[in-house]
Amino acid sequence: MFERYQAKIEEYCNSAGFQIPVGFGRHDAERYVAIDLDSEPPKLVAATWADELDVVNYLVKHAAGRKTQVLDFKDRRELTFNGKSGLLKGEAF
């Protein structure tokens, strides 16, 4: 089933004090998002992903060494990169 995530993501980010980049609304939002916690204030990454493998690819190639929070807006879970090739489900949000 197709779901729309943009409003949910924006609401979450606004309530948590995360900055939303201007480019966020350019494409349909997917279920997985990343928050760059090293930014001041913490900032939503403009790209979103439908596939866990794409999230892992982003973490390895673009967010290595940065504190990054990954959220699944379909299952409403925080995800943790296992350091290899997958994401582990964490706490509900």
Protein backbone atom coordinates (compact mmCIF):
# COMPACT_ATOMS: atom_id res chain seq x y z
CA MET A 1 0.00 0.00 0.00
CA PHE A 2 1.31 3.44 -0.95
CA GLU A 3 1.70 5.85 1.96
CA ARG A 4 2.56 9.51 2.11
CA TYR A 5 5.31 10.31 4.58
CA GLN A 6 6.19 13.95 3.97
CA ALA A 7 3.69 15.46 6.44
CA LYS A 8 4.59 12.88 9.13
CA ILE A 9 8.30 13.54 8.68
CA GLU A 10 7.88 17.32 8.77
CA GLU A 11 5.68 17.12 11.88
CA TYR A 12 8.21 14.89 13.65
CA CYS A 13 11.15 17.12 12.72
CA ASN A 14 9.37 20.30 13.80
CA SER A 15 8.42 18.82 17.17
CA ALA A 16 11.97 17.49 17.74
CA GLY A 17 13.68 20.73 16.67
CA PHE A 18 15.33 19.24 13.56
CA GLN A 19 15.96 21.61 10.67
CA ILE A 20 14.21 20.68 7.41
CA PRO A 21 16.27 21.51 4.30
CA VAL A 22 14.72 23.53 1.48
CA GLY A 23 15.17 20.63 -0.97
CA PHE A 24 13.15 18.18 1.12
CA GLY A 25 9.87 18.77 -0.75
CA ARG A 26 11.30 18.32 -4.25
CA HIS A 27 10.59 14.57 -4.38
CA ASP A 28 8.08 12.24 -2.78
CA ALA A 29 9.24 11.30 0.71
CA GLU A 30 9.98 7.62 1.32
CA ARG A 31 9.78 5.65 4.57
CA TYR A 32 13.46 5.85 5.67
CA VAL A 33 15.02 9.16 6.70
CA ALA A 34 18.36 10.21 8.17
CA ILE A 35 18.97 13.01 10.65
CA ASP A 36 22.46 14.55 10.73
CA LEU A 37 22.97 14.99 14.47
CA ASP A 38 26.38 16.63 13.99
CA SER A 39 24.75 19.67 12.38
CA GLU A 40 23.74 22.57 14.59
CA PRO A 41 20.78 22.38 14.85
CA PRO A 42 20.38 18.72 13.85
CA LYS A 43 19.22 18.54 10.23
CA LEU A 44 17.06 16.20 8.20
CA VAL A 45 18.91 14.82 5.18
CA ALA A 46 16.99 15.96 2.07
CA ALA A 47 17.02 12.49 0.49
CA THR A 48 14.74 9.72 1.75
CA TRP A 49 14.79 6.06 0.83
CA ALA A 50 12.36 3.19 0.21
CA ASP A 51 14.97 0.45 0.61
CA GLU A 52 17.22 -0.36 3.58
CA LEU A 53 20.15 -1.09 1.26
CA ASP A 54 20.01 2.47 -0.05
CA VAL A 55 20.13 3.78 3.53
CA VAL A 56 23.17 1.62 4.28
CA ASN A 57 24.83 2.88 1.08
CA TYR A 58 24.24 6.48 2.19
CA LEU A 59 25.63 5.81 5.67
CA VAL A 60 28.78 4.16 4.30
CA LYS A 61 29.51 6.64 1.49
CA HIS A 62 28.23 9.97 2.79
CA ALA A 63 27.74 9.84 6.55
CA ALA A 64 30.81 7.90 7.67
CA GLY A 65 32.18 9.43 10.84
CA ARG A 66 29.07 11.57 11.42
CA LYS A 67 26.51 10.97 14.13
CA THR A 68 23.39 10.06 12.15
CA GLN A 69 19.97 8.94 13.33
CA VAL A 70 17.95 6.73 10.96
CA LEU A 71 14.18 6.51 11.28
CA ASP A 72 11.63 4.21 9.63
CA PHE A 73 8.37 6.12 9.29
CA LYS A 74 6.38 3.07 8.20
CA ASP A 75 7.15 0.95 11.27
CA ARG A 76 7.81 4.03 13.47
CA ARG A 77 11.17 2.64 14.66
CA GLU A 78 14.63 4.07 15.10
CA LEU A 79 17.21 2.01 13.20
CA THR A 80 20.87 1.42 13.98
CA PHE A 81 23.52 0.62 11.39
CA ASN A 82 25.21 -2.67 12.30
CA GLY A 83 28.52 -1.48 10.81
CA LYS A 84 28.37 -3.97 7.96
CA SER A 85 25.44 -4.24 5.60
CA GLY A 86 22.22 -3.92 7.54
CA LEU A 87 20.05 -1.98 9.95
CA LEU A 88 18.84 -3.17 13.33
CA LYS A 89 15.41 -2.20 14.61
CA GLY A 90 15.43 -0.18 17.78
CA GLU A 91 13.02 1.77 19.91
CA ALA A 92 9.64 2.98 18.70
CA PHE A 93 9.19 6.72 18.24
